[in-house]
Amino acid sequence: LPRCSVKPLLCFTAYKCRCTRKGPKIRYKDVQKLEIKPKHPFCQEKMIFVTMENVSRFKGQEYCLHPKLQSTKNLVKWFRIWKDKHR
C-alpha cells in the first residue's frame, strides 16, 4: 500500500482493479491453476487469475481476467467441470 500521510483520499486514485482488460483467448485445457480472489476496498470486482500450463503457447504466464466478461465466466465454468472429471 502506498503511504498516504498528507491527503489519504488522493491515494484511492492510485488503486485500480487489476483485471480491467480482456485477456488473450484462453482454452480451459491450457489452464494449470485458477484463483478467484475476493473484492477489496479499492476494487469492487472479484479478481480472477489463471496460470497457464508450460506446454501451451503461454508458457506458464499468469493472466488476470475481467470477471464480468462472458468469456471469463465460461472459462471458469468449463475449467471447473474439466478439473472435476480429471482428478
C-alpha atoms as a PDB file:
ATOM      1  CA  LEU A   1       0.000   0.000   0.000  1.00  0.00           C
ATOM      2  CA  PRO A   2       1.347   3.465  -0.770  1.00  0.00           C
ATOM      3  CA  ARG A   3       1.891   5.918   2.019  1.00  0.00           C
ATOM      4  CA  CYS A   4      -0.870   8.477   2.373  1.00  0.00           C
ATOM      5  CA  SER A   5       0.447  10.851   5.007  1.00  0.00           C
ATOM      6  CA  VAL A   6      -0.697  14.175   3.528  1.00  0.00           C
ATOM      7  CA  LYS A   7      -4.036  13.561   1.840  1.00  0.00           C
ATOM      8  CA  PRO A   8      -5.245   9.985   2.292  1.00  0.00           C
ATOM      9  CA  LEU A   9      -8.196  10.373  -0.095  1.00  0.00           C
ATOM     10  CA  LEU A  10      -5.845  11.016  -3.003  1.00  0.00           C
ATOM     11  CA  CYS A  11      -4.317   7.595  -2.513  1.00  0.00           C
ATOM     12  CA  PHE A  12      -7.544   5.890  -3.541  1.00  0.00           C
ATOM     13  CA  THR A  13      -6.985   7.031  -7.120  1.00  0.00           C
ATOM     14  CA  ALA A  14      -3.705   5.116  -7.219  1.00  0.00           C
ATOM     15  CA  TYR A  15      -5.553   1.833  -6.796  1.00  0.00           C
ATOM     16  CA  LYS A  16      -7.367   0.288  -9.688  1.00  0.00           C
ATOM     17  CA  CYS A  17      -8.748  -3.118 -10.414  1.00  0.00           C
ATOM     18  CA  ARG A  18      -6.046  -5.292 -11.905  1.00  0.00           C
ATOM     19  CA  CYS A  19      -8.467  -7.194 -14.122  1.00  0.00           C
ATOM     20  CA  THR A  20      -9.937  -4.443 -16.242  1.00  0.00           C
ATOM     21  CA  ARG A  21      -8.919  -5.649 -19.700  1.00  0.00           C
ATOM     22  CA  LYS A  22      -9.873  -8.590 -21.808  1.00  0.00           C
ATOM     23  CA  GLY A  23      -7.121 -11.189 -21.788  1.00  0.00           C
ATOM     24  CA  PRO A  24      -5.924 -13.368 -24.646  1.00  0.00           C
ATOM     25  CA  LYS A  25      -8.101 -16.205 -25.919  1.00  0.00           C
ATOM     26  CA  ILE A  26      -7.566 -18.971 -23.363  1.00  0.00           C
ATOM     27  CA  ARG A  27      -8.752 -22.565 -23.548  1.00  0.00           C
ATOM     28  CA  TYR A  28      -9.704 -24.151 -20.243  1.00  0.00           C
ATOM     29  CA  LYS A  29      -7.473 -27.160 -21.006  1.00  0.00           C
ATOM     30  CA  ASP A  30      -4.437 -24.841 -21.149  1.00  0.00           C
ATOM     31  CA  VAL A  31      -5.023 -23.553 -17.600  1.00  0.00           C
ATOM     32  CA  GLN A  32      -2.858 -25.023 -14.845  1.00  0.00           C
ATOM     33  CA  LYS A  33      -4.359 -23.095 -11.920  1.00  0.00           C
ATOM     34  CA  LEU A  34      -7.387 -20.842 -11.460  1.00  0.00           C
ATOM     35  CA  GLU A  35      -7.682 -18.485  -8.480  1.00  0.00           C
ATOM     36  CA  ILE A  36     -10.654 -16.304  -7.634  1.00  0.00           C
ATOM     37  CA  LYS A  37      -9.754 -13.570  -5.176  1.00  0.00           C
ATOM     38  CA  PRO A  38     -12.448 -11.636  -3.297  1.00  0.00           C
ATOM     39  CA  LYS A  39     -13.323  -7.984  -3.693  1.00  0.00           C
ATOM     40  CA  HIS A  40     -11.284  -5.487  -1.705  1.00  0.00           C
ATOM     41  CA  PRO A  41     -11.889  -1.864  -0.674  1.00  0.00           C
ATOM     42  CA  PHE A  42     -10.206  -0.382  -3.750  1.00  0.00           C
ATOM     43  CA  CYS A  43     -11.847  -2.605  -6.351  1.00  0.00           C
ATOM     44  CA  GLN A  44     -15.464  -3.686  -6.310  1.00  0.00           C
ATOM     45  CA  GLU A  45     -14.831  -6.628  -8.661  1.00  0.00           C
ATOM     46  CA  LYS A  46     -13.503 -10.021  -7.691  1.00  0.00           C
ATOM     47  CA  MET A  47     -10.208 -10.852  -9.374  1.00  0.00           C
ATOM     48  CA  ILE A  48      -9.784 -13.995 -11.458  1.00  0.00           C
ATOM     49  CA  PHE A  49      -6.218 -15.166 -12.074  1.00  0.00           C
ATOM     50  CA  VAL A  50      -5.262 -18.024 -14.365  1.00  0.00           C
ATOM     51  CA  THR A  51      -1.819 -19.591 -14.560  1.00  0.00           C
ATOM     52  CA  MET A  52      -1.142 -21.309 -17.849  1.00  0.00           C
ATOM     53  CA  GLU A  53       0.379 -24.749 -18.423  1.00  0.00           C
ATOM     54  CA  ASN A  54       4.016 -24.789 -19.508  1.00  0.00           C
ATOM     55  CA  VAL A  55       3.172 -26.788 -22.629  1.00  0.00           C
ATOM     56  CA  SER A  56       0.816 -24.156 -24.016  1.00  0.00           C
ATOM     57  CA  ARG A  57       1.777 -21.162 -26.105  1.00  0.00           C
ATOM     58  CA  PHE A  58       1.595 -19.031 -22.943  1.00  0.00           C
ATOM     59  CA  LYS A  59       4.445 -20.889 -21.152  1.00  0.00           C
ATOM     60  CA  GLY A  60       3.335 -20.616 -17.527  1.00  0.00           C
ATOM     61  CA  GLN A  61       2.277 -16.972 -17.657  1.00  0.00           C
ATOM     62  CA  GLU A  62      -0.338 -15.596 -15.275  1.00  0.00           C
ATOM     63  CA  TYR A  63      -3.275 -13.545 -16.510  1.00  0.00           C
ATOM     64  CA  CYS A  64      -5.878 -11.549 -14.667  1.00  0.00           C
ATOM     65  CA  LEU A  65      -9.248 -11.799 -16.412  1.00  0.00           C
ATOM     66  CA  HIS A  66     -12.163  -9.376 -16.217  1.00  0.00           C
ATOM     67  CA  PRO A  67     -14.814 -11.101 -14.062  1.00  0.00           C
ATOM     68  CA  LYS A  68     -17.868  -9.701 -15.856  1.00  0.00           C
ATOM     69  CA  LEU A  69     -16.941 -10.834 -19.360  1.00  0.00           C
ATOM     70  CA  GLN A  70     -18.930 -13.786 -20.652  1.00  0.00           C
ATOM     71  CA  SER A  71     -15.723 -15.395 -21.941  1.00  0.00           C
ATOM     72  CA  THR A  72     -14.271 -15.334 -18.402  1.00  0.00           C
ATOM     73  CA  LYS A  73     -17.447 -16.805 -16.903  1.00  0.00           C
ATOM     74  CA  ASN A  74     -17.400 -19.593 -19.492  1.00  0.00           C
ATOM     75  CA  LEU A  75     -13.720 -20.310 -18.855  1.00  0.00           C
ATOM     76  CA  VAL A  76     -14.299 -20.633 -15.089  1.00  0.00           C
ATOM     77  CA  LYS A  77     -17.325 -22.871 -15.620  1.00  0.00           C
ATOM     78  CA  TRP A  78     -15.653 -25.231 -18.087  1.00  0.00           C
ATOM     79  CA  PHE A  79     -12.348 -25.322 -16.177  1.00  0.00           C
ATOM     80  CA  ARG A  80     -14.151 -26.467 -13.016  1.00  0.00           C
ATOM     81  CA  ILE A  81     -16.099 -29.143 -14.898  1.00  0.00           C
ATOM     82  CA  TRP A  82     -12.936 -30.360 -16.637  1.00  0.00           C
ATOM     83  CA  LYS A  83     -10.892 -30.430 -13.401  1.00  0.00           C
ATOM     84  CA  ASP A  84     -13.608 -32.401 -11.582  1.00  0.00           C
ATOM     85  CA  LYS A  85     -13.569 -35.042 -14.328  1.00  0.00           C
ATOM     86  CA  HIS A  86      -9.763 -35.304 -14.463  1.00  0.00           C
ATOM     87  CA  ARG A  87      -8.831 -35.599 -10.799  1.00  0.00           C
END
